[in-house]
Amino acid sequence: MAAPLITLNDGNSVPAVGLGVWQTPPEDTERAVAAALAAGYRHVDTAAAYGNEEQTGRAIRESGLDRSEVFLVTKLWNSEQGYDATLAAFDASVGRLDVDYLDLYLIHWPVPEKNLYVDTFKAFAKLREDGRIRSIGVSNFEPEHLRTVVDETGIVPAVNQIELHPLLPQHELREVHAQLGIATEAWSPLGQGSLLTHPAVTAVAESHGKTAAQALIRWHIQLGNIVIPKSVNPQRIASNFDVFDFELTEQDMASISALEDGTRMGPDPRTFNFTG
């Protein structure tokens, strides 16, 4: 079964479930992406900083699928921000991926200390005008960063990929996204595995004959999030995609949402300025 499509504010569509390859070693990436594509995934999310763009691109090419069938995402690293540096970094990424265009390109972090994300987004807009990127977006942007981009460029990012899981459901950001017309994409959607044994999650999963991971992914889908669970295990990759034949009840959704406690697994985007 194919993943449902979410229509972005530029008219393009993205499969609601994709494979993330964050922290996937290069030697495991090609096999993981191949397993995902074989299981029905048509959305793959990588980044320059992950060091596995080359293997991601090779798996897509060798899958037998037409390039147009796979929604491919990568991200610009912090040290490459700035107009000219962004154009060069984009060329490097598509070179490693060995593709002619990207479906979505994201600014990985706002890096507020450098204050170059507006110039960077202007370079993204140029690349989109040139037909080299279909959709342009951001990652880890807070409301003030989003509003600055929109005010300074007149362009609303198509996507904001953020840390989002039941412990950190990002109510404020999701509300801003709804107001601006930005799609919400969740990274670390399973709380980096910390929620897979939580009694509230396992109880919901068991009531549907599903795994805890499937219940959590379904929670995201029903909230309207794009979700990119990560795994290198072919069985888990396939299982994480088997989430379109059941639906959580309102009580199920509330039970999982009640886990909110503000826990953040990754850095705070307002203070994270690492460029190494």
C-alpha atoms as a PDB file:
ATOM      1  CA  MET A   1       0.000   0.000   0.000  1.00  0.00           C
ATOM      2  CA  ALA A   2       1.323   3.455  -0.888  1.00  0.00           C
ATOM      3  CA  ALA A   3       1.720   6.151   1.725  1.00  0.00           C
ATOM      4  CA  PRO A   4      -0.873   8.927   1.557  1.00  0.00           C
ATOM      5  CA  LEU A   5       0.373  12.150  -0.022  1.00  0.00           C
ATOM      6  CA  ILE A   6       0.536  15.510   1.726  1.00  0.00           C
ATOM      7  CA  THR A   7       0.182  18.492  -0.594  1.00  0.00           C
ATOM      8  CA  LEU A   8       2.683  21.263   0.089  1.00  0.00           C
ATOM      9  CA  ASN A   9       2.042  24.991  -0.248  1.00  0.00           C
ATOM     10  CA  ASP A  10       3.790  25.037  -3.638  1.00  0.00           C
ATOM     11  CA  GLY A  11       1.493  22.367  -5.085  1.00  0.00           C
ATOM     12  CA  ASN A  12       3.997  19.519  -4.857  1.00  0.00           C
ATOM     13  CA  SER A  13       3.154  16.377  -2.884  1.00  0.00           C
ATOM     14  CA  VAL A  14       5.237  14.350  -0.434  1.00  0.00           C
ATOM     15  CA  PRO A  15       4.541  10.820   0.856  1.00  0.00           C
ATOM     16  CA  ALA A  16       3.530  11.109   4.513  1.00  0.00           C
ATOM     17  CA  VAL A  17       5.957   8.368   5.604  1.00  0.00           C
ATOM     18  CA  GLY A  18       9.596   8.261   4.573  1.00  0.00           C
ATOM     19  CA  LEU A  19      12.844   6.641   5.637  1.00  0.00           C
ATOM     20  CA  GLY A  20      15.270   8.799   7.600  1.00  0.00           C
ATOM     21  CA  VAL A  21      18.961   7.884   7.470  1.00  0.00           C
ATOM     22  CA  TRP A  22      20.267  10.068  10.315  1.00  0.00           C
ATOM     23  CA  GLN A  23      23.055   8.223  12.157  1.00  0.00           C
ATOM     24  CA  THR A  24      22.915   5.414   9.609  1.00  0.00           C
ATOM     25  CA  PRO A  25      26.538   4.467   8.861  1.00  0.00           C
ATOM     26  CA  PRO A  26      27.458   4.778   5.175  1.00  0.00           C
ATOM     27  CA  GLU A  27      28.129   1.035   4.992  1.00  0.00           C
ATOM     28  CA  ASP A  28      24.526   0.335   6.125  1.00  0.00           C
ATOM     29  CA  THR A  29      22.763   3.101   4.213  1.00  0.00           C
ATOM     30  CA  GLU A  30      22.512   1.541   0.778  1.00  0.00           C
ATOM     31  CA  ARG A  31      21.024  -1.657   2.196  1.00  0.00           C
ATOM     32  CA  ALA A  32      18.544   0.258   4.395  1.00  0.00           C
ATOM     33  CA  VAL A  33      17.339   2.499   1.555  1.00  0.00           C
ATOM     34  CA  ALA A  34      17.041  -0.500  -0.769  1.00  0.00           C
ATOM     35  CA  ALA A  35      14.953  -2.329   1.852  1.00  0.00           C
ATOM     36  CA  ALA A  36      12.713   0.705   2.276  1.00  0.00           C
ATOM     37  CA  LEU A  37      12.100   1.120  -1.445  1.00  0.00           C
ATOM     38  CA  ALA A  38      11.344  -2.603  -1.747  1.00  0.00           C
ATOM     39  CA  ALA A  39       8.827  -2.267   1.117  1.00  0.00           C
ATOM     40  CA  GLY A  40       6.964   0.528  -0.645  1.00  0.00           C
ATOM     41  CA  TYR A  41       8.583   3.697   0.652  1.00  0.00           C
ATOM     42  CA  ARG A  42       8.865   6.464  -1.933  1.00  0.00           C
ATOM     43  CA  HIS A  43      10.385   9.155   0.304  1.00  0.00           C
ATOM     44  CA  VAL A  44      13.994   9.180   1.559  1.00  0.00           C
ATOM     45  CA  ASP A  45      15.516  11.844   3.824  1.00  0.00           C
ATOM     46  CA  THR A  46      19.265  12.381   4.112  1.00  0.00           C
ATOM     47  CA  ALA A  47      21.610  15.339   4.753  1.00  0.00           C
ATOM     48  CA  ALA A  48      25.092  16.487   3.873  1.00  0.00           C
ATOM     49  CA  ALA A  49      26.028  16.180   7.548  1.00  0.00           C
ATOM     50  CA  TYR A  50      25.037  12.505   7.658  1.00  0.00           C
ATOM     51  CA  GLY A  51      27.885  11.465   5.365  1.00  0.00           C
ATOM     52  CA  ASN A  52      25.702   9.004   3.464  1.00  0.00           C
ATOM     53  CA  GLU A  53      24.335  10.944   0.483  1.00  0.00           C
ATOM     54  CA  GLU A  54      26.390   8.897  -1.971  1.00  0.00           C
ATOM     55  CA  GLN A  55      25.024   5.588  -0.685  1.00  0.00           C
ATOM     56  CA  THR A  56      21.472   6.962  -0.584  1.00  0.00           C
ATOM     57  CA  GLY A  57      21.667   8.026  -4.221  1.00  0.00           C
ATOM     58  CA  ARG A  58      23.153   4.706  -5.306  1.00  0.00           C
ATOM     59  CA  ALA A  59      20.357   2.729  -3.650  1.00  0.00           C
ATOM     60  CA  ILE A  60      17.730   4.821  -5.440  1.00  0.00           C
ATOM     61  CA  ARG A  61      19.456   4.391  -8.805  1.00  0.00           C
ATOM     62  CA  GLU A  62      19.840   0.639  -8.359  1.00  0.00           C
ATOM     63  CA  SER A  63      16.261   0.122  -7.153  1.00  0.00           C
ATOM     64  CA  GLY A  64      14.886  -0.013 -10.689  1.00  0.00           C
ATOM     65  CA  LEU A  65      12.487   2.816  -9.845  1.00  0.00           C
ATOM     66  CA  ASP A  66      12.329   5.888 -12.011  1.00  0.00           C
ATOM     67  CA  ARG A  67      13.876   8.912 -10.318  1.00  0.00           C
ATOM     68  CA  SER A  68      10.507  10.670 -10.480  1.00  0.00           C
ATOM     69  CA  GLU A  69       8.968   7.975  -8.264  1.00  0.00           C
ATOM     70  CA  VAL A  70      11.150   8.773  -5.228  1.00  0.00           C
ATOM     71  CA  PHE A  71      10.781  11.971  -3.194  1.00  0.00           C
ATOM     72  CA  LEU A  72      14.400  12.743  -2.285  1.00  0.00           C
ATOM     73  CA  VAL A  73      15.369  15.177   0.478  1.00  0.00           C
ATOM     74  CA  THR A  74      18.727  16.434   1.666  1.00  0.00           C
ATOM     75  CA  LYS A  75      19.868  19.302   3.874  1.00  0.00           C
ATOM     76  CA  LEU A  76      22.429  22.090   3.838  1.00  0.00           C
ATOM     77  CA  TRP A  77      24.864  21.955   6.742  1.00  0.00           C
ATOM     78  CA  ASN A  78      25.468  24.911   9.067  1.00  0.00           C
ATOM     79  CA  SER A  79      29.000  25.703   7.897  1.00  0.00           C
ATOM     80  CA  GLU A  80      27.779  26.151   4.307  1.00  0.00           C
ATOM     81  CA  GLN A  81      25.216  28.880   4.977  1.00  0.00           C
ATOM     82  CA  GLY A  82      25.379  32.114   2.976  1.00  0.00           C
ATOM     83  CA  TYR A  83      24.279  32.755  -0.606  1.00  0.00           C
ATOM     84  CA  ASP A  84      27.342  31.674  -2.593  1.00  0.00           C
ATOM     85  CA  ALA A  85      28.356  28.939  -0.161  1.00  0.00           C
ATOM     86  CA  THR A  86      24.851  27.481  -0.412  1.00  0.00           C
ATOM     87  CA  LEU A  87      25.013  27.269  -4.201  1.00  0.00           C
ATOM     88  CA  ALA A  88      28.346  25.429  -3.970  1.00  0.00           C
ATOM     89  CA  ALA A  89      27.073  23.099  -1.219  1.00  0.00           C
ATOM     90  CA  PHE A  90      24.004  22.244  -3.284  1.00  0.00           C
ATOM     91  CA  ASP A  91      26.207  21.295  -6.233  1.00  0.00           C
ATOM     92  CA  ALA A  92      28.262  19.088  -3.930  1.00  0.00           C
ATOM     93  CA  SER A  93      25.182  17.340  -2.530  1.00  0.00           C
ATOM     94  CA  VAL A  94      23.567  16.592  -5.893  1.00  0.00           C
ATOM     95  CA  GLY A  95      26.991  15.420  -7.075  1.00  0.00           C
ATOM     96  CA  ARG A  96      27.254  12.923  -4.215  1.00  0.00           C
ATOM     97  CA  LEU A  97      23.638  11.834  -4.731  1.00  0.00           C
ATOM     98  CA  ASP A  98      24.250  11.719  -8.502  1.00  0.00           C
ATOM     99  CA  VAL A  99      20.885  13.277  -9.336  1.00  0.00           C
ATOM    100  CA  ASP A 100      19.825  16.185 -11.518  1.00  0.00           C
ATOM    101  CA  TYR A 101      17.386  17.706  -9.039  1.00  0.00           C
ATOM    102  CA  LEU A 102      16.105  17.462  -5.473  1.00  0.00           C
ATOM    103  CA  ASP A 103      12.481  17.134  -4.483  1.00  0.00           C
ATOM    104  CA  LEU A 104      13.104  19.059  -1.259  1.00  0.00           C
ATOM    105  CA  TYR A 105      16.132  20.935   0.095  1.00  0.00           C
ATOM    106  CA  LEU A 106      16.207  22.032   3.738  1.00  0.00           C
ATOM    107  CA  ILE A 107      18.317  24.450   5.775  1.00  0.00           C
ATOM    108  CA  HIS A 108      19.421  22.026   8.494  1.00  0.00           C
ATOM    109  CA  TRP A 109      19.464  24.508  11.425  1.00  0.00           C
ATOM    110  CA  PRO A 110      18.846  28.266  11.666  1.00  0.00           C
ATOM    111  CA  VAL A 111      22.215  28.904  13.410  1.00  0.00           C
ATOM    112  CA  PRO A 112      20.987  32.273  14.734  1.00  0.00           C
ATOM    113  CA  GLU A 113      24.488  33.353  15.784  1.00  0.00           C
ATOM    114  CA  LYS A 114      25.604  33.413  12.128  1.00  0.00           C
ATOM    115  CA  ASN A 115      22.360  35.074  10.971  1.00  0.00           C
ATOM    116  CA  LEU A 116      22.801  33.792   7.420  1.00  0.00           C
ATOM    117  CA  TYR A 117      19.642  31.757   7.049  1.00  0.00           C
ATOM    118  CA  VAL A 118      17.801  34.455   5.068  1.00  0.00           C
ATOM    119  CA  ASP A 119      20.619  34.725   2.510  1.00  0.00           C
ATOM    120  CA  THR A 120      20.702  30.944   2.426  1.00  0.00           C
ATOM    121  CA  PHE A 121      16.983  30.730   1.729  1.00  0.00           C
ATOM    122  CA  LYS A 122      17.360  33.299  -1.062  1.00  0.00           C
ATOM    123  CA  ALA A 123      19.887  30.935  -2.671  1.00  0.00           C
ATOM    124  CA  PHE A 124      17.345  28.117  -2.253  1.00  0.00           C
ATOM    125  CA  ALA A 125      14.791  30.259  -4.084  1.00  0.00           C
ATOM    126  CA  LYS A 126      17.251  30.812  -6.946  1.00  0.00           C
ATOM    127  CA  LEU A 127      17.849  27.063  -7.211  1.00  0.00           C
ATOM    128  CA  ARG A 128      14.111  26.465  -7.313  1.00  0.00           C
ATOM    129  CA  GLU A 129      13.683  29.107 -10.028  1.00  0.00           C
ATOM    130  CA  ASP A 130      16.386  27.311 -12.004  1.00  0.00           C
ATOM    131  CA  GLY A 131      14.462  24.025 -11.743  1.00  0.00           C
ATOM    132  CA  ARG A 132      17.087  22.298  -9.641  1.00  0.00           C
ATOM    133  CA  ILE A 133      14.866  21.933  -6.560  1.00  0.00           C
ATOM    134  CA  ARG A 134      11.141  21.281  -6.598  1.00  0.00           C
ATOM    135  CA  SER A 135      10.385  22.428  -3.034  1.00  0.00           C
ATOM    136  CA  ILE A 136      12.378  24.474  -0.526  1.00  0.00           C
ATOM    137  CA  GLY A 137      12.098  24.306   3.228  1.00  0.00           C
ATOM    138  CA  VAL A 138      13.798  24.481   6.566  1.00  0.00           C
ATOM    139  CA  SER A 139      14.548  22.300   9.556  1.00  0.00           C
ATOM    140  CA  ASN A 140      14.602  23.097  13.267  1.00  0.00           C
ATOM    141  CA  PHE A 141      13.276  26.639  12.734  1.00  0.00           C
ATOM    142  CA  GLU A 142      11.423  28.304  15.585  1.00  0.00           C
ATOM    143  CA  PRO A 143       8.510  30.730  14.986  1.00  0.00           C
ATOM    144  CA  GLU A 144      10.730  33.807  14.937  1.00  0.00           C
ATOM    145  CA  HIS A 145      13.049  32.239  12.332  1.00  0.00           C
ATOM    146  CA  LEU A 146      10.098  31.281  10.135  1.00  0.00           C
ATOM    147  CA  ARG A 147       8.572  34.743  10.298  1.00  0.00           C
ATOM    148  CA  THR A 148      11.915  36.371   9.473  1.00  0.00           C
ATOM    149  CA  VAL A 149      12.310  34.189   6.376  1.00  0.00           C
ATOM    150  CA  VAL A 150       8.792  34.988   5.191  1.00  0.00           C
ATOM    151  CA  ASP A 151       9.147  38.725   5.921  1.00  0.00           C
ATOM    152  CA  GLU A 152      12.567  39.007   4.248  1.00  0.00           C
ATOM    153  CA  THR A 153      11.989  36.816   1.178  1.00  0.00           C
ATOM    154  CA  GLY A 154       8.225  36.806   0.649  1.00  0.00           C
ATOM    155  CA  ILE A 155       8.420  33.002   0.359  1.00  0.00           C
ATOM    156  CA  VAL A 156       6.835  30.602   2.825  1.00  0.00           C
ATOM    157  CA  PRO A 157       8.937  27.430   3.354  1.00  0.00           C
ATOM    158  CA  ALA A 158       7.114  24.331   2.172  1.00  0.00           C
ATOM    159  CA  VAL A 159       8.237  22.224   5.149  1.00  0.00           C
ATOM    160  CA  ASN A 160       9.731  22.684   8.602  1.00  0.00           C
ATOM    161  CA  GLN A 161      11.313  19.452   9.823  1.00  0.00           C
ATOM    162  CA  ILE A 162      11.487  19.515  13.616  1.00  0.00           C
ATOM    163  CA  GLU A 163      11.994  17.252  16.586  1.00  0.00           C
ATOM    164  CA  LEU A 164       8.504  16.021  17.346  1.00  0.00           C
ATOM    165  CA  HIS A 165       7.232  13.054  19.356  1.00  0.00           C
ATOM    166  CA  PRO A 166       4.639  12.555  22.097  1.00  0.00           C
ATOM    167  CA  LEU A 167       6.997  13.949  24.750  1.00  0.00           C
ATOM    168  CA  LEU A 168       7.517  17.101  22.651  1.00  0.00           C
ATOM    169  CA  PRO A 169       4.429  17.575  20.451  1.00  0.00           C
ATOM    170  CA  GLN A 170       5.385  21.147  19.478  1.00  0.00           C
ATOM    171  CA  HIS A 171       1.940  22.728  19.851  1.00  0.00           C
ATOM    172  CA  GLU A 172       3.147  26.309  19.302  1.00  0.00           C
ATOM    173  CA  LEU A 173       5.193  25.485  16.220  1.00  0.00           C
ATOM    174  CA  ARG A 174       2.458  23.376  14.670  1.00  0.00           C
ATOM    175  CA  GLU A 175       0.015  26.230  15.181  1.00  0.00           C
ATOM    176  CA  VAL A 176       2.402  28.646  13.448  1.00  0.00           C
ATOM    177  CA  HIS A 177       2.817  26.133  10.624  1.00  0.00           C
ATOM    178  CA  ALA A 178      -0.970  25.942  10.260  1.00  0.00           C
ATOM    179  CA  GLN A 179      -1.236  29.734  10.130  1.00  0.00           C
ATOM    180  CA  LEU A 180       1.498  30.073   7.502  1.00  0.00           C
ATOM    181  CA  GLY A 181       0.687  26.962   5.451  1.00  0.00           C
ATOM    182  CA  ILE A 182       3.894  25.071   6.275  1.00  0.00           C
ATOM    183  CA  ALA A 183       3.878  21.265   6.448  1.00  0.00           C
ATOM    184  CA  THR A 184       5.161  19.787   9.707  1.00  0.00           C
ATOM    185  CA  GLU A 185       7.716  16.994   9.418  1.00  0.00           C
ATOM    186  CA  ALA A 186       8.803  15.057  12.498  1.00  0.00           C
ATOM    187  CA  TRP A 187      12.320  13.844  13.175  1.00  0.00           C
ATOM    188  CA  SER A 188      12.966  11.435  16.064  1.00  0.00           C
ATOM    189  CA  PRO A 189       9.261  10.551  15.763  1.00  0.00           C
ATOM    190  CA  LEU A 190       9.644   7.581  18.107  1.00  0.00           C
ATOM    191  CA  GLY A 191      11.505   9.584  20.752  1.00  0.00           C
ATOM    192  CA  GLN A 192      14.716   7.823  19.708  1.00  0.00           C
ATOM    193  CA  GLY A 193      13.210   4.556  20.903  1.00  0.00           C
ATOM    194  CA  SER A 194      12.479   5.806  24.416  1.00  0.00           C
ATOM    195  CA  LEU A 195       8.714   5.433  23.979  1.00  0.00           C
ATOM    196  CA  LEU A 196       8.633   1.926  22.528  1.00  0.00           C
ATOM    197  CA  THR A 197       8.217   0.275  25.936  1.00  0.00           C
ATOM    198  CA  HIS A 198       6.010   2.903  27.559  1.00  0.00           C
ATOM    199  CA  PRO A 199       2.871   1.209  28.937  1.00  0.00           C
ATOM    200  CA  ALA A 200       0.536   3.793  27.411  1.00  0.00           C
ATOM    201  CA  VAL A 201       2.008   3.195  23.958  1.00  0.00           C
ATOM    202  CA  THR A 202       2.182  -0.574  24.211  1.00  0.00           C
ATOM    203  CA  ALA A 203      -1.422  -0.711  25.435  1.00  0.00           C
ATOM    204  CA  VAL A 204      -2.624   1.235  22.389  1.00  0.00           C
ATOM    205  CA  ALA A 205      -0.495  -0.904  20.087  1.00  0.00           C
ATOM    206  CA  GLU A 206      -1.751  -4.174  21.556  1.00  0.00           C
ATOM    207  CA  SER A 207      -5.378  -3.089  21.211  1.00  0.00           C
ATOM    208  CA  HIS A 208      -4.834  -2.885  17.446  1.00  0.00           C
ATOM    209  CA  GLY A 209      -2.521  -5.886  17.097  1.00  0.00           C
ATOM    210  CA  LYS A 210       0.309  -3.566  16.107  1.00  0.00           C
ATOM    211  CA  THR A 211       3.803  -2.739  17.364  1.00  0.00           C
ATOM    212  CA  ALA A 212       4.558   0.266  19.564  1.00  0.00           C
ATOM    213  CA  ALA A 213       6.438   1.876  16.691  1.00  0.00           C
ATOM    214  CA  GLN A 214       3.442   1.433  14.386  1.00  0.00           C
ATOM    215  CA  ALA A 215       1.139   3.018  16.979  1.00  0.00           C
ATOM    216  CA  LEU A 216       3.461   6.020  17.320  1.00  0.00           C
ATOM    217  CA  ILE A 217       3.805   6.465  13.560  1.00  0.00           C
ATOM    218  CA  ARG A 218       0.033   6.271  13.248  1.00  0.00           C
ATOM    219  CA  TRP A 219      -0.282   8.986  15.949  1.00  0.00           C
ATOM    220  CA  HIS A 220       1.868  11.249  13.784  1.00  0.00           C
ATOM    221  CA  ILE A 221      -0.081  10.501  10.620  1.00  0.00           C
ATOM    222  CA  GLN A 222      -3.390  11.309  12.296  1.00  0.00           C
ATOM    223  CA  LEU A 223      -1.964  14.610  13.564  1.00  0.00           C
ATOM    224  CA  GLY A 224      -1.129  15.439   9.954  1.00  0.00           C
ATOM    225  CA  ASN A 225       2.642  15.166  10.345  1.00  0.00           C
ATOM    226  CA  ILE A 226       5.078  13.917   7.741  1.00  0.00           C
ATOM    227  CA  VAL A 227       7.137  11.281   9.560  1.00  0.00           C
ATOM    228  CA  ILE A 228      10.558   9.769   8.808  1.00  0.00           C
ATOM    229  CA  PRO A 229      11.303   6.845  11.166  1.00  0.00           C
ATOM    230  CA  LYS A 230      14.862   5.532  10.988  1.00  0.00           C
ATOM    231  CA  SER A 231      15.964   1.896  11.037  1.00  0.00           C
ATOM    232  CA  VAL A 232      18.613  -0.274   9.428  1.00  0.00           C
ATOM    233  CA  ASN A 233      16.717  -3.511  10.093  1.00  0.00           C
ATOM    234  CA  PRO A 234      14.770  -4.604   6.971  1.00  0.00           C
ATOM    235  CA  GLN A 235      11.981  -6.166   9.031  1.00  0.00           C
ATOM    236  CA  ARG A 236      11.511  -3.026  11.147  1.00  0.00           C
ATOM    237  CA  ILE A 237      11.733  -0.820   8.049  1.00  0.00           C
ATOM    238  CA  ALA A 238       8.875  -2.797   6.497  1.00  0.00           C
ATOM    239  CA  SER A 239       6.916  -2.850   9.762  1.00  0.00           C
ATOM    240  CA  ASN A 240       7.214   0.932  10.159  1.00  0.00           C
ATOM    241  CA  PHE A 241       5.534   1.305   6.756  1.00  0.00           C
ATOM    242  CA  ASP A 242       2.676  -1.084   7.585  1.00  0.00           C
ATOM    243  CA  VAL A 243       0.568   1.625   9.208  1.00  0.00           C
ATOM    244  CA  PHE A 244      -2.182   2.331   6.694  1.00  0.00           C
ATOM    245  CA  ASP A 245      -4.653  -0.421   7.585  1.00  0.00           C
ATOM    246  CA  PHE A 246      -5.735   0.766  11.041  1.00  0.00           C
ATOM    247  CA  GLU A 247      -6.752   3.955  12.795  1.00  0.00           C
ATOM    248  CA  LEU A 248      -6.286   5.138  16.349  1.00  0.00           C
ATOM    249  CA  THR A 249      -9.384   6.150  18.265  1.00  0.00           C
ATOM    250  CA  GLU A 250      -9.738   9.568  19.898  1.00  0.00           C
ATOM    251  CA  GLN A 251      -8.997   7.869  23.211  1.00  0.00           C
ATOM    252  CA  ASP A 252      -5.855   6.260  21.752  1.00  0.00           C
ATOM    253  CA  MET A 253      -4.664   9.629  20.447  1.00  0.00           C
ATOM    254  CA  ALA A 254      -5.341  11.288  23.799  1.00  0.00           C
ATOM    255  CA  SER A 255      -3.557   8.524  25.700  1.00  0.00           C
ATOM    256  CA  ILE A 256      -0.390   8.955  23.636  1.00  0.00           C
ATOM    257  CA  SER A 257      -0.635  12.758  23.640  1.00  0.00           C
ATOM    258  CA  ALA A 258      -0.849  12.713  27.444  1.00  0.00           C
ATOM    259  CA  LEU A 259       2.822  11.651  27.545  1.00  0.00           C
ATOM    260  CA  GLU A 260       3.878  15.244  26.819  1.00  0.00           C
ATOM    261  CA  ASP A 261       6.503  16.455  29.296  1.00  0.00           C
ATOM    262  CA  GLY A 262       8.655  18.794  27.185  1.00  0.00           C
ATOM    263  CA  THR A 263      11.608  16.411  26.864  1.00  0.00           C
ATOM    264  CA  ARG A 264      13.874  17.416  23.989  1.00  0.00           C
ATOM    265  CA  MET A 265      16.222  14.724  22.653  1.00  0.00           C
ATOM    266  CA  GLY A 266      18.261  17.025  20.405  1.00  0.00           C
ATOM    267  CA  PRO A 267      19.719  20.533  20.674  1.00  0.00           C
ATOM    268  CA  ASP A 268      17.653  23.664  21.223  1.00  0.00           C
ATOM    269  CA  PRO A 269      17.460  25.425  17.830  1.00  0.00           C
ATOM    270  CA  ARG A 270      17.581  28.835  19.502  1.00  0.00           C
ATOM    271  CA  THR A 271      21.045  28.161  20.942  1.00  0.00           C
ATOM    272  CA  PHE A 272      22.534  25.510  18.632  1.00  0.00           C
ATOM    273  CA  ASN A 273      25.230  27.279  16.609  1.00  0.00           C
ATOM    274  CA  PHE A 274      27.595  24.391  15.853  1.00  0.00           C
ATOM    275  CA  THR A 275      29.248  24.681  12.448  1.00  0.00           C
ATOM    276  CA  GLY A 276      31.888  21.968  12.682  1.00  0.00           C
END
